[in-house]
């Protein structure tokens, strides 16, 4: 199971990378634009925090396969990182995926709202396919079902190594259900990621342990104080 952080906010990335076992960061043009920074500065800032082993997913903007391929090559030349090129699942995008895959690029198919888009992206050479779970729900679709159906289809090929990367989540239940449906990776915002480990009784239990311990050995004392 892989958890990725969906943001370009360097403060959030720095915090989450220090505390949570994330395998990388995902971005898109909207997320980058939100930071109001020079593009190279924004991407290099992320790389400086997560290093060159964790994944960094960055998206192209070209509308034709030719431009997409050129953008992908420029990204690879410009940034020394474990880059995954995010390409929308348009016809031009699928063509570009096929070209780039033959040249050894890591590819993430994005803009996905149907199971057939996932299956087609796998055939084109994508390593990750990112269905928009909440966005599908908002147009009276079923984002989790999209994941479930696609997983059933692509799992028929025992040699398939491509992974469904669930995206566009607004709550923990969507994340959990997508994982149960077959998503082997998910990318979530900072707030939702933190909520994945939250439970009021966990906090209560920790407080109870410390209270009982304090009565016996002194408030604030740890094993470092008594051993």
Protein backbone atom coordinates (compact mmCIF):
# COMPACT_ATOMS: atom_id res chain seq x y z
CA UNK A 1 0.00 0.00 0.00
CA UNK A 2 1.28 3.44 -0.95
CA UNK A 3 0.23 6.79 0.48
CA UNK A 4 1.12 9.99 -1.35
CA UNK A 5 0.53 13.63 -0.43
CA UNK A 6 -1.45 15.77 -2.88
CA UNK A 7 -0.11 19.30 -2.45
CA UNK A 8 2.65 21.72 -3.42
CA UNK A 9 2.60 23.55 -0.08
CA UNK A 10 6.17 23.17 1.15
CA UNK A 11 5.24 23.59 4.82
CA UNK A 12 2.68 20.80 4.55
CA UNK A 13 5.08 18.56 2.64
CA UNK A 14 7.83 19.16 5.19
CA UNK A 15 5.53 18.25 8.10
CA UNK A 16 3.93 15.18 6.52
CA UNK A 17 7.22 13.86 5.15
CA UNK A 18 8.72 14.03 8.65
CA UNK A 19 5.90 12.17 10.39
CA UNK A 20 4.05 9.97 7.90
CA UNK A 21 5.35 7.07 5.75
CA UNK A 22 4.46 8.65 2.41
CA UNK A 23 6.01 7.32 -0.79
CA UNK A 24 5.80 10.58 -2.69
CA UNK A 25 3.99 13.77 -3.65
CA UNK A 26 1.51 14.46 -6.43
CA UNK A 27 0.85 17.82 -8.05
CA UNK A 28 -1.23 19.23 -10.87
CA UNK A 29 -1.34 22.64 -12.60
CA UNK A 30 -4.02 23.94 -10.22
CA UNK A 31 -2.09 22.86 -7.12
CA UNK A 32 1.11 24.46 -8.41
CA UNK A 33 -0.65 27.69 -9.42
CA UNK A 34 -2.19 27.97 -5.96
CA UNK A 35 1.28 28.46 -4.45
CA UNK A 36 1.96 31.53 -6.64
CA UNK A 37 5.64 30.68 -7.06
CA UNK A 38 8.06 30.34 -9.92
CA UNK A 39 7.47 26.86 -11.35
CA UNK A 40 11.07 25.67 -11.07
CA UNK A 41 11.28 27.03 -7.54
CA UNK A 42 8.10 25.17 -6.56
CA UNK A 43 9.21 21.81 -7.97
CA UNK A 44 12.78 22.08 -6.69
CA UNK A 45 11.42 22.98 -3.26
CA UNK A 46 9.47 19.72 -3.16
CA UNK A 47 12.49 17.70 -4.32
CA UNK A 48 14.64 19.31 -1.64
CA UNK A 49 12.24 18.01 1.02
CA UNK A 50 11.39 14.51 -0.23
CA UNK A 51 14.68 13.71 -1.94
CA UNK A 52 15.26 11.83 -5.16
CA UNK A 53 14.00 8.39 -4.13
CA UNK A 54 10.39 9.20 -3.29
CA UNK A 55 8.06 9.73 -6.23
CA UNK A 56 7.14 13.16 -7.55
CA UNK A 57 4.21 13.25 -9.96
CA UNK A 58 4.11 16.36 -12.18
CA UNK A 59 1.60 17.12 -14.91
CA UNK A 60 2.03 18.27 -18.48
CA UNK A 61 -0.17 20.92 -20.10
CA UNK A 62 0.15 20.16 -23.82
CA UNK A 63 -2.96 19.40 -25.84
CA UNK A 64 -1.21 17.33 -28.50
CA UNK A 65 0.96 14.23 -28.20
CA UNK A 66 3.90 16.07 -29.75
CA UNK A 67 3.83 18.86 -27.16
CA UNK A 68 3.21 16.42 -24.28
CA UNK A 69 6.26 14.37 -25.27
CA UNK A 70 8.42 17.50 -25.51
CA UNK A 71 7.18 18.71 -22.10
CA UNK A 72 7.93 15.33 -20.53
CA UNK A 73 11.47 15.33 -21.89
CA UNK A 74 12.03 18.89 -20.67
CA UNK A 75 10.79 17.98 -17.19
CA UNK A 76 13.15 15.01 -17.06
CA UNK A 77 16.08 17.17 -18.18
CA UNK A 78 15.27 19.99 -15.76
CA UNK A 79 14.56 18.13 -12.53
CA UNK A 80 16.73 15.44 -10.98
CA UNK A 81 14.08 13.41 -9.22
CA UNK A 82 12.04 10.21 -9.31
CA UNK A 83 9.60 11.81 -11.74
CA UNK A 84 6.29 10.42 -12.89
CA UNK A 85 4.80 12.36 -15.78
CA UNK A 86 1.06 12.93 -15.32
CA UNK A 87 -0.80 12.80 -18.62
CA UNK A 88 -4.59 13.19 -19.06
CA UNK A 89 -6.44 10.28 -20.69
CA UNK A 90 -7.38 12.06 -23.91
CA UNK A 91 -6.64 10.45 -27.27
CA UNK A 92 -3.55 12.66 -27.61
CA UNK A 93 -2.57 11.76 -24.07
CA UNK A 94 -2.79 8.04 -24.76
CA UNK A 95 -0.66 8.47 -27.87
CA UNK A 96 1.95 10.35 -25.84
CA UNK A 97 1.94 7.65 -23.16
CA UNK A 98 2.80 5.03 -25.75
CA UNK A 99 5.68 7.09 -27.12
CA UNK A 100 7.11 7.98 -23.72
CA UNK A 101 6.78 4.46 -22.34
CA UNK A 102 9.00 3.15 -25.13
CA UNK A 103 11.60 5.72 -24.05
CA UNK A 104 11.55 4.58 -20.43
CA UNK A 105 9.48 7.33 -18.83
CA UNK A 106 7.42 6.79 -15.68
CA UNK A 107 3.81 7.64 -16.48
CA UNK A 108 0.75 8.49 -14.41
CA UNK A 109 -2.56 8.67 -16.26
CA UNK A 110 -4.81 11.38 -14.84
CA UNK A 111 -8.19 13.01 -15.40
CA UNK A 112 -9.83 9.60 -15.01
CA UNK A 113 -13.56 9.24 -14.34
CA UNK A 114 -14.41 5.83 -15.84
CA UNK A 115 -13.09 2.30 -15.51
CA UNK A 116 -12.49 2.05 -19.27
CA UNK A 117 -10.18 5.05 -19.10
CA UNK A 118 -8.12 3.16 -16.53
CA UNK A 119 -7.98 0.02 -18.67
CA UNK A 120 -7.05 2.00 -21.78
CA UNK A 121 -4.29 3.83 -19.89
CA UNK A 122 -2.81 0.51 -18.78
CA UNK A 123 -2.67 -0.65 -22.38
CA UNK A 124 -1.01 2.62 -23.38
CA UNK A 125 1.77 2.06 -20.85
CA UNK A 126 0.78 3.94 -17.70
CA UNK A 127 2.44 2.89 -14.44
CA UNK A 128 -0.22 4.56 -12.28
CA UNK A 129 -3.80 5.48 -13.12
CA UNK A 130 -5.43 8.20 -11.02
CA UNK A 131 -9.24 8.06 -10.92
CA UNK A 132 -11.01 11.08 -9.40
CA UNK A 133 -13.17 9.48 -6.72
CA UNK A 134 -14.92 12.51 -5.23
CA UNK A 135 -15.24 14.27 -8.56
CA UNK A 136 -17.03 11.23 -9.97
CA UNK A 137 -19.36 11.20 -6.97
CA UNK A 138 -20.16 14.88 -7.51
CA UNK A 139 -21.54 14.21 -11.01
CA UNK A 140 -23.80 11.42 -9.75
CA UNK A 141 -21.22 8.76 -10.53
CA UNK A 142 -19.56 6.26 -8.21
CA UNK A 143 -15.83 6.80 -7.86
CA UNK A 144 -15.25 3.72 -5.74
CA UNK A 145 -17.11 1.55 -8.24
CA UNK A 146 -14.87 2.89 -11.00
CA UNK A 147 -11.87 1.65 -9.01
CA UNK A 148 -13.51 -1.71 -8.29
CA UNK A 149 -14.51 -2.40 -11.90
CA UNK A 150 -11.14 -1.39 -13.32
CA UNK A 151 -9.25 -3.45 -10.75
CA UNK A 152 -11.25 -6.56 -11.71
CA UNK A 153 -10.41 -6.06 -15.37
CA UNK A 154 -6.70 -5.26 -15.11
CA UNK A 155 -6.17 -8.02 -12.54
CA UNK A 156 -6.95 -10.61 -15.23
CA UNK A 157 -3.50 -9.95 -16.64
CA UNK A 158 -1.18 -11.60 -14.12
CA UNK A 159 1.79 -9.77 -15.64
CA UNK A 160 0.22 -6.35 -15.08
CA UNK A 161 2.27 -4.16 -12.74
CA UNK A 162 0.34 -0.92 -13.19
CA UNK A 163 -1.37 0.40 -10.07
CA UNK A 164 -4.56 2.31 -9.45
CA UNK A 165 -3.71 5.55 -7.65
CA UNK A 166 -6.93 6.79 -6.06
CA UNK A 167 -7.24 10.59 -6.09
CA UNK A 168 -9.71 13.40 -5.38
CA UNK A 169 -10.81 12.47 -1.88
CA UNK A 170 -12.82 14.57 0.55
CA UNK A 171 -13.06 12.19 3.49
CA UNK A 172 -11.55 9.10 5.10
CA UNK A 173 -14.40 6.79 4.06
CA UNK A 174 -13.77 7.47 0.39
CA UNK A 175 -10.10 6.64 0.86
CA UNK A 176 -10.82 3.45 2.79
CA UNK A 177 -13.46 2.27 0.33
CA UNK A 178 -11.19 2.93 -2.65
CA UNK A 179 -8.42 0.87 -1.04
CA UNK A 180 -10.85 -1.99 -0.39
CA UNK A 181 -12.00 -1.75 -4.02
CA UNK A 182 -8.46 -2.29 -5.31
CA UNK A 183 -6.53 0.98 -5.20
CA UNK A 184 -2.96 0.01 -4.36
CA UNK A 185 -2.02 3.65 -3.88
CA UNK A 186 -3.88 6.80 -2.85
CA UNK A 187 -2.96 10.46 -2.92
CA UNK A 188 -4.68 12.69 -0.39
CA UNK A 189 -4.55 16.22 0.96
CA UNK A 190 -2.95 16.99 4.29
CA UNK A 191 -6.20 17.23 6.28
CA UNK A 192 -7.54 13.89 5.05
CA UNK A 193 -4.17 12.18 5.51
CA UNK A 194 -4.07 13.24 9.15
CA UNK A 195 -7.63 12.02 9.67
CA UNK A 196 -6.65 8.54 8.45
CA UNK A 197 -5.00 7.83 11.81
CA UNK A 198 -7.39 9.80 14.02
CA UNK A 199 -9.75 8.18 16.49
CA UNK A 200 -10.97 9.85 19.70
CA UNK A 201 -10.42 6.69 21.71
CA UNK A 202 -6.80 6.55 20.61
CA UNK A 203 -6.24 9.97 22.17
CA UNK A 204 -8.27 8.95 25.21
CA UNK A 205 -6.19 5.78 25.64
CA UNK A 206 -2.92 7.70 25.46
CA UNK A 207 -4.16 10.19 28.05
CA UNK A 208 -5.32 7.33 30.30
CA UNK A 209 -1.95 5.57 30.08
CA UNK A 210 -0.14 8.78 30.99
CA UNK A 211 -2.53 9.54 33.84
CA UNK A 212 -2.14 6.09 35.41
CA UNK A 213 1.62 6.22 34.94
CA UNK A 214 1.85 9.66 36.48
CA UNK A 215 0.04 8.57 39.63
CA UNK A 216 2.58 5.82 40.16
CA UNK A 217 5.83 7.34 38.94
CA UNK A 218 5.26 11.08 38.68
CA UNK A 219 3.65 13.28 36.06
CA UNK A 220 5.71 13.86 32.95
CA UNK A 221 8.20 11.12 33.68
CA UNK A 222 9.16 8.63 30.98
CA UNK A 223 11.25 5.49 30.92
CA UNK A 224 14.25 7.74 30.39
CA UNK A 225 13.72 9.06 33.91
CA UNK A 226 13.39 5.76 35.76
CA UNK A 227 15.68 3.26 34.03
